[in-house]
Amino acid sequence: KINNALGQVLLAKRMGKQRIIAETGAGQHGVA
């Protein structure tokens, strides 16, 4: 899950977003 979370955060920063939300089930995506 960390592969995608990292890529999307780098995109979000370039888009000027300062708040990130996510869903998680097993928690691995949430932790990432």
PDB file of all heavy atoms in Angstrom:
ATOM      1  N   LYS A   1       0.808  -1.220   0.000  1.00  0.00           N
ATOM      2  CA  LYS A   1       0.000   0.000   0.000  1.00  0.00           C
ATOM      3  C   LYS A   1       0.844   1.274   0.000  1.00  0.00           C
ATOM      4  O   LYS A   1       0.408   2.309  -0.499  1.00  0.00           O
ATOM      5  CB  LYS A   1      -0.947   0.007   1.202  1.00  0.00           C
ATOM      6  CG  LYS A   1      -2.003  -1.099   1.180  1.00  0.00           C
ATOM      7  CD  LYS A   1      -3.040  -0.866   0.099  1.00  0.00           C
ATOM      8  CE  LYS A   1      -4.209  -1.851   0.242  1.00  0.00           C
ATOM      9  NZ  LYS A   1      -5.253  -1.631  -0.805  1.00  0.00           N
ATOM     10  N   ILE A   2       2.042   1.216   0.523  1.00  0.00           N
ATOM     11  CA  ILE A   2       2.908   2.391   0.618  1.00  0.00           C
ATOM     12  C   ILE A   2       3.291   2.920  -0.764  1.00  0.00           C
ATOM     13  O   ILE A   2       3.503   4.128  -0.938  1.00  0.00           O
ATOM     14  CB  ILE A   2       4.173   2.069   1.440  1.00  0.00           C
ATOM     15  CG1 ILE A   2       5.012   3.325   1.732  1.00  0.00           C
ATOM     16  CG2 ILE A   2       5.036   1.012   0.736  1.00  0.00           C
ATOM     17  CD1 ILE A   2       4.449   4.195   2.774  1.00  0.00           C
ATOM     18  N   ASN A   3       3.358   2.041  -1.786  1.00  0.00           N
ATOM     19  CA  ASN A   3       3.718   2.482  -3.133  1.00  0.00           C
ATOM     20  C   ASN A   3       2.737   3.536  -3.646  1.00  0.00           C
ATOM     21  O   ASN A   3       3.130   4.601  -4.131  1.00  0.00           O
ATOM     22  CB  ASN A   3       3.735   1.294  -4.103  1.00  0.00           C
ATOM     23  CG  ASN A   3       4.624   0.164  -3.660  1.00  0.00           C
ATOM     24  OD1 ASN A   3       5.711   0.376  -3.128  1.00  0.00           O
ATOM     25  ND2 ASN A   3       4.178  -1.066  -3.863  1.00  0.00           N
ATOM     26  N   ASN A   4       1.466   3.230  -3.531  1.00  0.00           N
ATOM     27  CA  ASN A   4       0.417   4.124  -4.010  1.00  0.00           C
ATOM     28  C   ASN A   4       0.254   5.354  -3.121  1.00  0.00           C
ATOM     29  O   ASN A   4       0.086   6.474  -3.614  1.00  0.00           O
ATOM     30  CB  ASN A   4      -0.902   3.349  -4.095  1.00  0.00           C
ATOM     31  CG  ASN A   4      -2.110   4.233  -4.331  1.00  0.00           C
ATOM     32  OD1 ASN A   4      -2.209   4.904  -5.348  1.00  0.00           O
ATOM     33  ND2 ASN A   4      -3.031   4.245  -3.372  1.00  0.00           N
ATOM     34  N   ALA A   5       0.307   5.155  -1.797  1.00  0.00           N
ATOM     35  CA  ALA A   5       0.156   6.289  -0.880  1.00  0.00           C
ATOM     36  C   ALA A   5       1.232   7.332  -1.121  1.00  0.00           C
ATOM     37  O   ALA A   5       0.962   8.545  -1.132  1.00  0.00           O
ATOM     38  CB  ALA A   5       0.197   5.800   0.572  1.00  0.00           C
ATOM     39  N   LEU A   6       2.445   6.880  -1.347  1.00  0.00           N
ATOM     40  CA  LEU A   6       3.550   7.797  -1.607  1.00  0.00           C
ATOM     41  C   LEU A   6       3.327   8.560  -2.908  1.00  0.00           C
ATOM     42  O   LEU A   6       3.471   9.799  -2.951  1.00  0.00           O
ATOM     43  CB  LEU A   6       4.860   7.017  -1.659  1.00  0.00           C
ATOM     44  CG  LEU A   6       6.138   7.806  -1.890  1.00  0.00           C
ATOM     45  CD1 LEU A   6       6.340   8.833  -0.798  1.00  0.00           C
ATOM     46  CD2 LEU A   6       7.341   6.853  -1.964  1.00  0.00           C
ATOM     47  N   GLY A   7       2.975   7.862  -3.964  1.00  0.00           N
ATOM     48  CA  GLY A   7       2.746   8.514  -5.246  1.00  0.00           C
ATOM     49  C   GLY A   7       1.641   9.549  -5.173  1.00  0.00           C
ATOM     50  O   GLY A   7       1.774  10.673  -5.689  1.00  0.00           O
ATOM     51  N   GLN A   8       0.535   9.208  -4.508  1.00  0.00           N
ATOM     52  CA  GLN A   8      -0.582  10.142  -4.432  1.00  0.00           C
ATOM     53  C   GLN A   8      -0.279  11.357  -3.553  1.00  0.00           C
ATOM     54  O   GLN A   8      -0.739  12.464  -3.836  1.00  0.00           O
ATOM     55  CB  GLN A   8      -1.836   9.417  -3.941  1.00  0.00           C
ATOM     56  CG  GLN A   8      -2.450   8.485  -4.975  1.00  0.00           C
ATOM     57  CD  GLN A   8      -3.915   8.227  -4.719  1.00  0.00           C
ATOM     58  OE1 GLN A   8      -4.705   9.135  -4.479  1.00  0.00           O
ATOM     59  NE2 GLN A   8      -4.296   6.964  -4.778  1.00  0.00           N
ATOM     60  N   VAL A   9       0.475  11.176  -2.477  1.00  0.00           N
ATOM     61  CA  VAL A   9       0.839  12.327  -1.649  1.00  0.00           C
ATOM     62  C   VAL A   9       1.741  13.289  -2.421  1.00  0.00           C
ATOM     63  O   VAL A   9       1.593  14.518  -2.309  1.00  0.00           O
ATOM     64  CB  VAL A   9       1.495  11.866  -0.329  1.00  0.00           C
ATOM     65  CG1 VAL A   9       2.336  12.994   0.278  1.00  0.00           C
ATOM     66  CG2 VAL A   9       0.431  11.445   0.665  1.00  0.00           C
ATOM     67  N   LEU A  10       2.668  12.757  -3.196  1.00  0.00           N
ATOM     68  CA  LEU A  10       3.501  13.629  -4.019  1.00  0.00           C
ATOM     69  C   LEU A  10       2.652  14.422  -5.017  1.00  0.00           C
ATOM     70  O   LEU A  10       2.910  15.600  -5.271  1.00  0.00           O
ATOM     71  CB  LEU A  10       4.555  12.807  -4.760  1.00  0.00           C
ATOM     72  CG  LEU A  10       5.641  12.164  -3.891  1.00  0.00           C
ATOM     73  CD1 LEU A  10       6.613  11.370  -4.761  1.00  0.00           C
ATOM     74  CD2 LEU A  10       6.393  13.199  -3.073  1.00  0.00           C
ATOM     75  N   LEU A  11       1.630  13.780  -5.568  1.00  0.00           N
ATOM     76  CA  LEU A  11       0.706  14.485  -6.452  1.00  0.00           C
ATOM     77  C   LEU A  11      -0.079  15.548  -5.687  1.00  0.00           C
ATOM     78  O   LEU A  11      -0.228  16.686  -6.149  1.00  0.00           O
ATOM     79  CB  LEU A  11      -0.277  13.498  -7.096  1.00  0.00           C
ATOM     80  CG  LEU A  11       0.134  12.801  -8.377  1.00  0.00           C
ATOM     81  CD1 LEU A  11      -0.967  11.845  -8.825  1.00  0.00           C
ATOM     82  CD2 LEU A  11       0.401  13.812  -9.490  1.00  0.00           C
ATOM     83  N   ALA A  12      -0.599  15.169  -4.522  1.00  0.00           N
ATOM     84  CA  ALA A  12      -1.412  16.085  -3.728  1.00  0.00           C
ATOM     85  C   ALA A  12      -0.631  17.344  -3.365  1.00  0.00           C
ATOM     86  O   ALA A  12      -1.165  18.460  -3.391  1.00  0.00           O
ATOM     87  CB  ALA A  12      -1.921  15.390  -2.469  1.00  0.00           C
ATOM     88  N   LYS A  13       0.631  17.195  -3.017  1.00  0.00           N
ATOM     89  CA  LYS A  13       1.463  18.350  -2.673  1.00  0.00           C
ATOM     90  C   LYS A  13       1.612  19.279  -3.865  1.00  0.00           C
ATOM     91  O   LYS A  13       1.542  20.506  -3.728  1.00  0.00           O
ATOM     92  CB  LYS A  13       2.832  17.875  -2.178  1.00  0.00           C
ATOM     93  CG  LYS A  13       2.835  17.371  -0.740  1.00  0.00           C
ATOM     94  CD  LYS A  13       4.232  16.982  -0.307  1.00  0.00           C
ATOM     95  CE  LYS A  13       5.204  18.171  -0.285  1.00  0.00           C
ATOM     96  NZ  LYS A  13       4.849  19.191   0.747  1.00  0.00           N
ATOM     97  N   ARG A  14       1.787  18.698  -5.042  1.00  0.00           N
ATOM     98  CA  ARG A  14       1.916  19.528  -6.237  1.00  0.00           C
ATOM     99  C   ARG A  14       0.601  20.192  -6.609  1.00  0.00           C
ATOM    100  O   ARG A  14       0.591  21.221  -7.286  1.00  0.00           O
ATOM    101  CB  ARG A  14       2.454  18.684  -7.396  1.00  0.00           C
ATOM    102  CG  ARG A  14       3.954  18.411  -7.273  1.00  0.00           C
ATOM    103  CD  ARG A  14       4.405  17.255  -8.170  1.00  0.00           C
ATOM    104  NE  ARG A  14       5.866  17.184  -8.250  1.00  0.00           N
ATOM    105  CZ  ARG A  14       6.639  16.680  -7.307  1.00  0.00           C
ATOM    106  NH1 ARG A  14       6.087  16.202  -6.186  1.00  0.00           N
ATOM    107  NH2 ARG A  14       7.955  16.629  -7.461  1.00  0.00           N
ATOM    108  N   MET A  15      -0.520  19.622  -6.147  1.00  0.00           N
ATOM    109  CA  MET A  15      -1.837  20.213  -6.395  1.00  0.00           C
ATOM    110  C   MET A  15      -2.218  21.227  -5.314  1.00  0.00           C
ATOM    111  O   MET A  15      -3.280  21.833  -5.389  1.00  0.00           O
ATOM    112  CB  MET A  15      -2.886  19.106  -6.468  1.00  0.00           C
ATOM    113  CG  MET A  15      -2.742  18.188  -7.682  1.00  0.00           C
ATOM    114  SD  MET A  15      -3.680  16.629  -7.498  1.00  0.00           S
ATOM    115  CE  MET A  15      -5.363  17.247  -7.407  1.00  0.00           C
ATOM    116  N   GLY A  16      -1.349  21.391  -4.322  1.00  0.00           N
ATOM    117  CA  GLY A  16      -1.600  22.367  -3.274  1.00  0.00           C
ATOM    118  C   GLY A  16      -2.549  21.903  -2.184  1.00  0.00           C
ATOM    119  O   GLY A  16      -3.048  22.718  -1.400  1.00  0.00           O
ATOM    120  N   LYS A  17      -2.807  20.607  -2.090  1.00  0.00           N
ATOM    121  CA  LYS A  17      -3.703  20.080  -1.066  1.00  0.00           C
ATOM    122  C   LYS A  17      -2.924  19.865   0.237  1.00  0.00           C
ATOM    123  O   LYS A  17      -1.845  19.277   0.230  1.00  0.00           O
ATOM    124  CB  LYS A  17      -4.320  18.746  -1.507  1.00  0.00           C
ATOM    125  CG  LYS A  17      -4.951  18.785  -2.911  1.00  0.00           C
ATOM    126  CD  LYS A  17      -6.174  19.668  -2.976  1.00  0.00           C
ATOM    127  CE  LYS A  17      -6.834  19.558  -4.365  1.00  0.00           C
ATOM    128  NZ  LYS A  17      -8.033  20.408  -4.498  1.00  0.00           N
ATOM    129  N   GLN A  18      -3.490  20.312   1.342  1.00  0.00           N
ATOM    130  CA  GLN A  18      -2.833  20.201   2.643  1.00  0.00           C
ATOM    131  C   GLN A  18      -3.526  19.218   3.580  1.00  0.00           C
ATOM    132  O   GLN A  18      -3.040  18.956   4.677  1.00  0.00           O
ATOM    133  CB  GLN A  18      -2.762  21.583   3.310  1.00  0.00           C
ATOM    134  CG  GLN A  18      -1.851  22.572   2.594  1.00  0.00           C
ATOM    135  CD  GLN A  18      -0.410  22.085   2.558  1.00  0.00           C
ATOM    136  OE1 GLN A  18       0.162  21.649   3.558  1.00  0.00           O
ATOM    137  NE2 GLN A  18       0.198  22.144   1.374  1.00  0.00           N
ATOM    138  N   ARG A  19      -4.663  18.704   3.157  1.00  0.00           N
ATOM    139  CA  ARG A  19      -5.420  17.749   3.977  1.00  0.00           C
ATOM    140  C   ARG A  19      -5.640  16.478   3.162  1.00  0.00           C
ATOM    141  O   ARG A  19      -6.090  16.536   2.024  1.00  0.00           O
ATOM    142  CB  ARG A  19      -6.769  18.348   4.403  1.00  0.00           C
ATOM    143  CG  ARG A  19      -7.639  17.431   5.254  1.00  0.00           C
ATOM    144  CD  ARG A  19      -8.895  18.186   5.718  1.00  0.00           C
ATOM    145  NE  ARG A  19      -9.772  17.368   6.533  1.00  0.00           N
ATOM    146  CZ  ARG A  19     -10.807  16.674   6.067  1.00  0.00           C
ATOM    147  NH1 ARG A  19     -11.079  16.687   4.749  1.00  0.00           N
ATOM    148  NH2 ARG A  19     -11.564  15.952   6.876  1.00  0.00           N
ATOM    149  N   ILE A  20      -5.335  15.337   3.780  1.00  0.00           N
ATOM    150  CA  ILE A  20      -5.446  14.042   3.117  1.00  0.00           C
ATOM    151  C   ILE A  20      -6.458  13.190   3.874  1.00  0.00           C
ATOM    152  O   ILE A  20      -6.416  13.091   5.100  1.00  0.00           O
ATOM    153  CB  ILE A  20      -4.087  13.307   3.086  1.00  0.00           C
ATOM    154  CG1 ILE A  20      -3.018  14.158   2.398  1.00  0.00           C
ATOM    155  CG2 ILE A  20      -4.234  11.944   2.414  1.00  0.00           C
ATOM    156  CD1 ILE A  20      -3.271  14.438   0.945  1.00  0.00           C
ATOM    157  N   ILE A  21      -7.359  12.554   3.132  1.00  0.00           N
ATOM    158  CA  ILE A  21      -8.270  11.579   3.734  1.00  0.00           C
ATOM    159  C   ILE A  21      -8.089  10.240   3.028  1.00  0.00           C
ATOM    160  O   ILE A  21      -7.639  10.168   1.882  1.00  0.00           O
ATOM    161  CB  ILE A  21      -9.751  12.023   3.650  1.00  0.00           C
ATOM    162  CG1 ILE A  21     -10.195  12.186   2.186  1.00  0.00           C
ATOM    163  CG2 ILE A  21      -9.970  13.313   4.426  1.00  0.00           C
ATOM    164  CD1 ILE A  21     -11.683  12.470   2.032  1.00  0.00           C
ATOM    165  N   ALA A  22      -8.430   9.186   3.745  1.00  0.00           N
ATOM    166  CA  ALA A  22      -8.328   7.846   3.176  1.00  0.00           C
ATOM    167  C   ALA A  22      -9.296   6.923   3.897  1.00  0.00           C
ATOM    168  O   ALA A  22      -9.711   7.201   5.024  1.00  0.00           O
ATOM    169  CB  ALA A  22      -6.899   7.299   3.294  1.00  0.00           C
ATOM    170  N   GLU A  23      -9.652   5.839   3.236  1.00  0.00           N
ATOM    171  CA  GLU A  23     -10.410   4.762   3.860  1.00  0.00           C
ATOM    172  C   GLU A  23      -9.453   3.606   4.152  1.00  0.00           C
ATOM    173  O   GLU A  23      -8.394   3.500   3.541  1.00  0.00           O
ATOM    174  CB  GLU A  23     -11.533   4.285   2.925  1.00  0.00           C
ATOM    175  CG  GLU A  23     -11.148   3.218   1.911  1.00  0.00           C
ATOM    176  CD  GLU A  23     -10.083   3.651   0.889  1.00  0.00           C
ATOM    177  OE1 GLU A  23     -10.031   4.856   0.565  1.00  0.00           O
ATOM    178  OE2 GLU A  23      -9.308   2.788   0.412  1.00  0.00           O
ATOM    179  N   THR A  24      -9.814   2.779   5.091  1.00  0.00           N
ATOM    180  CA  THR A  24      -8.998   1.584   5.311  1.00  0.00           C
ATOM    181  C   THR A  24      -9.851   0.468   5.890  1.00  0.00           C
ATOM    182  O   THR A  24     -10.819   0.726   6.612  1.00  0.00           O
ATOM    183  CB  THR A  24      -7.782   1.888   6.217  1.00  0.00           C
ATOM    184  OG1 THR A  24      -6.817   0.850   6.099  1.00  0.00           O
ATOM    185  CG2 THR A  24      -8.203   2.065   7.675  1.00  0.00           C
ATOM    186  N   GLY A  25      -9.465  -0.783   5.556  1.00  0.00           N
ATOM    187  CA  GLY A  25     -10.157  -1.950   6.083  1.00  0.00           C
ATOM    188  C   GLY A  25      -9.247  -2.677   7.061  1.00  0.00           C
ATOM    189  O   GLY A  25      -9.380  -2.570   8.285  1.00  0.00           O
ATOM    190  N   ALA A  26      -8.255  -3.374   6.491  1.00  0.00           N
ATOM    191  CA  ALA A  26      -7.283  -4.064   7.334  1.00  0.00           C
ATOM    192  C   ALA A  26      -6.315  -3.097   8.012  1.00  0.00           C
ATOM    193  O   ALA A  26      -5.546  -3.488   8.885  1.00  0.00           O
ATOM    194  CB  ALA A  26      -6.511  -5.084   6.500  1.00  0.00           C
ATOM    195  N   GLY A  27      -6.351  -1.847   7.585  1.00  0.00           N
ATOM    196  CA  GLY A  27      -5.490  -0.854   8.206  1.00  0.00           C
ATOM    197  C   GLY A  27      -4.186  -0.607   7.488  1.00  0.00           C
ATOM    198  O   GLY A  27      -3.494   0.370   7.787  1.00  0.00           O
ATOM    199  N   GLN A  28      -3.828  -1.460   6.526  1.00  0.00           N
ATOM    200  CA  GLN A  28      -2.541  -1.310   5.866  1.00  0.00           C
ATOM    201  C   GLN A  28      -2.489  -0.056   4.998  1.00  0.00           C
ATOM    202  O   GLN A  28      -1.467   0.631   4.961  1.00  0.00           O
ATOM    203  CB  GLN A  28      -2.224  -2.554   5.027  1.00  0.00           C
ATOM    204  CG  GLN A  28      -2.007  -3.829   5.845  1.00  0.00           C
ATOM    205  CD  GLN A  28      -0.764  -3.753   6.717  1.00  0.00           C
ATOM    206  OE1 GLN A  28      -0.726  -3.057   7.727  1.00  0.00           O
ATOM    207  NE2 GLN A  28       0.254  -4.451   6.347  1.00  0.00           N
ATOM    208  N   HIS A  29      -3.583   0.239   4.300  1.00  0.00           N
ATOM    209  CA  HIS A  29      -3.628   1.474   3.524  1.00  0.00           C
ATOM    210  C   HIS A  29      -3.668   2.693   4.450  1.00  0.00           C
ATOM    211  O   HIS A  29      -3.029   3.707   4.181  1.00  0.00           O
ATOM    212  CB  HIS A  29      -4.836   1.474   2.588  1.00  0.00           C
ATOM    213  CG  HIS A  29      -5.014   2.759   1.833  1.00  0.00           C
ATOM    214  ND1 HIS A  29      -4.030   3.287   1.024  1.00  0.00           N
ATOM    215  CD2 HIS A  29      -6.055   3.637   1.773  1.00  0.00           C
ATOM    216  CE1 HIS A  29      -4.441   4.421   0.497  1.00  0.00           C
ATOM    217  NE2 HIS A  29      -5.662   4.661   0.945  1.00  0.00           N
ATOM    218  N   GLY A  30      -4.407   2.578   5.543  1.00  0.00           N
ATOM    219  CA  GLY A  30      -4.448   3.666   6.504  1.00  0.00           C
ATOM    220  C   GLY A  30      -3.080   3.943   7.111  1.00  0.00           C
ATOM    221  O   GLY A  30      -2.669   5.100   7.249  1.00  0.00           O
ATOM    222  N   VAL A  31      -2.364   2.897   7.481  1.00  0.00           N
ATOM    223  CA  VAL A  31      -1.021   3.047   8.032  1.00  0.00           C
ATOM    224  C   VAL A  31      -0.085   3.671   7.000  1.00  0.00           C
ATOM    225  O   VAL A  31       0.700   4.572   7.313  1.00  0.00           O
ATOM    226  CB  VAL A  31      -0.465   1.696   8.522  1.00  0.00           C
ATOM    227  CG1 VAL A  31       1.031   1.800   8.843  1.00  0.00           C
ATOM    228  CG2 VAL A  31      -1.229   1.218   9.749  1.00  0.00           C
ATOM    229  N   ALA A  32      -0.165   3.201   5.764  1.00  0.00           N
ATOM    230  CA  ALA A  32       0.683   3.755   4.707  1.00  0.00           C
ATOM    231  C   ALA A  32       0.396   5.235   4.492  1.00  0.00           C
ATOM    232  O   ALA A  32       1.318   6.054   4.356  1.00  0.00           O
ATOM    233  CB  ALA A  32       0.473   2.980   3.403  1.00  0.00           C
TER     234      ALA A  32
END
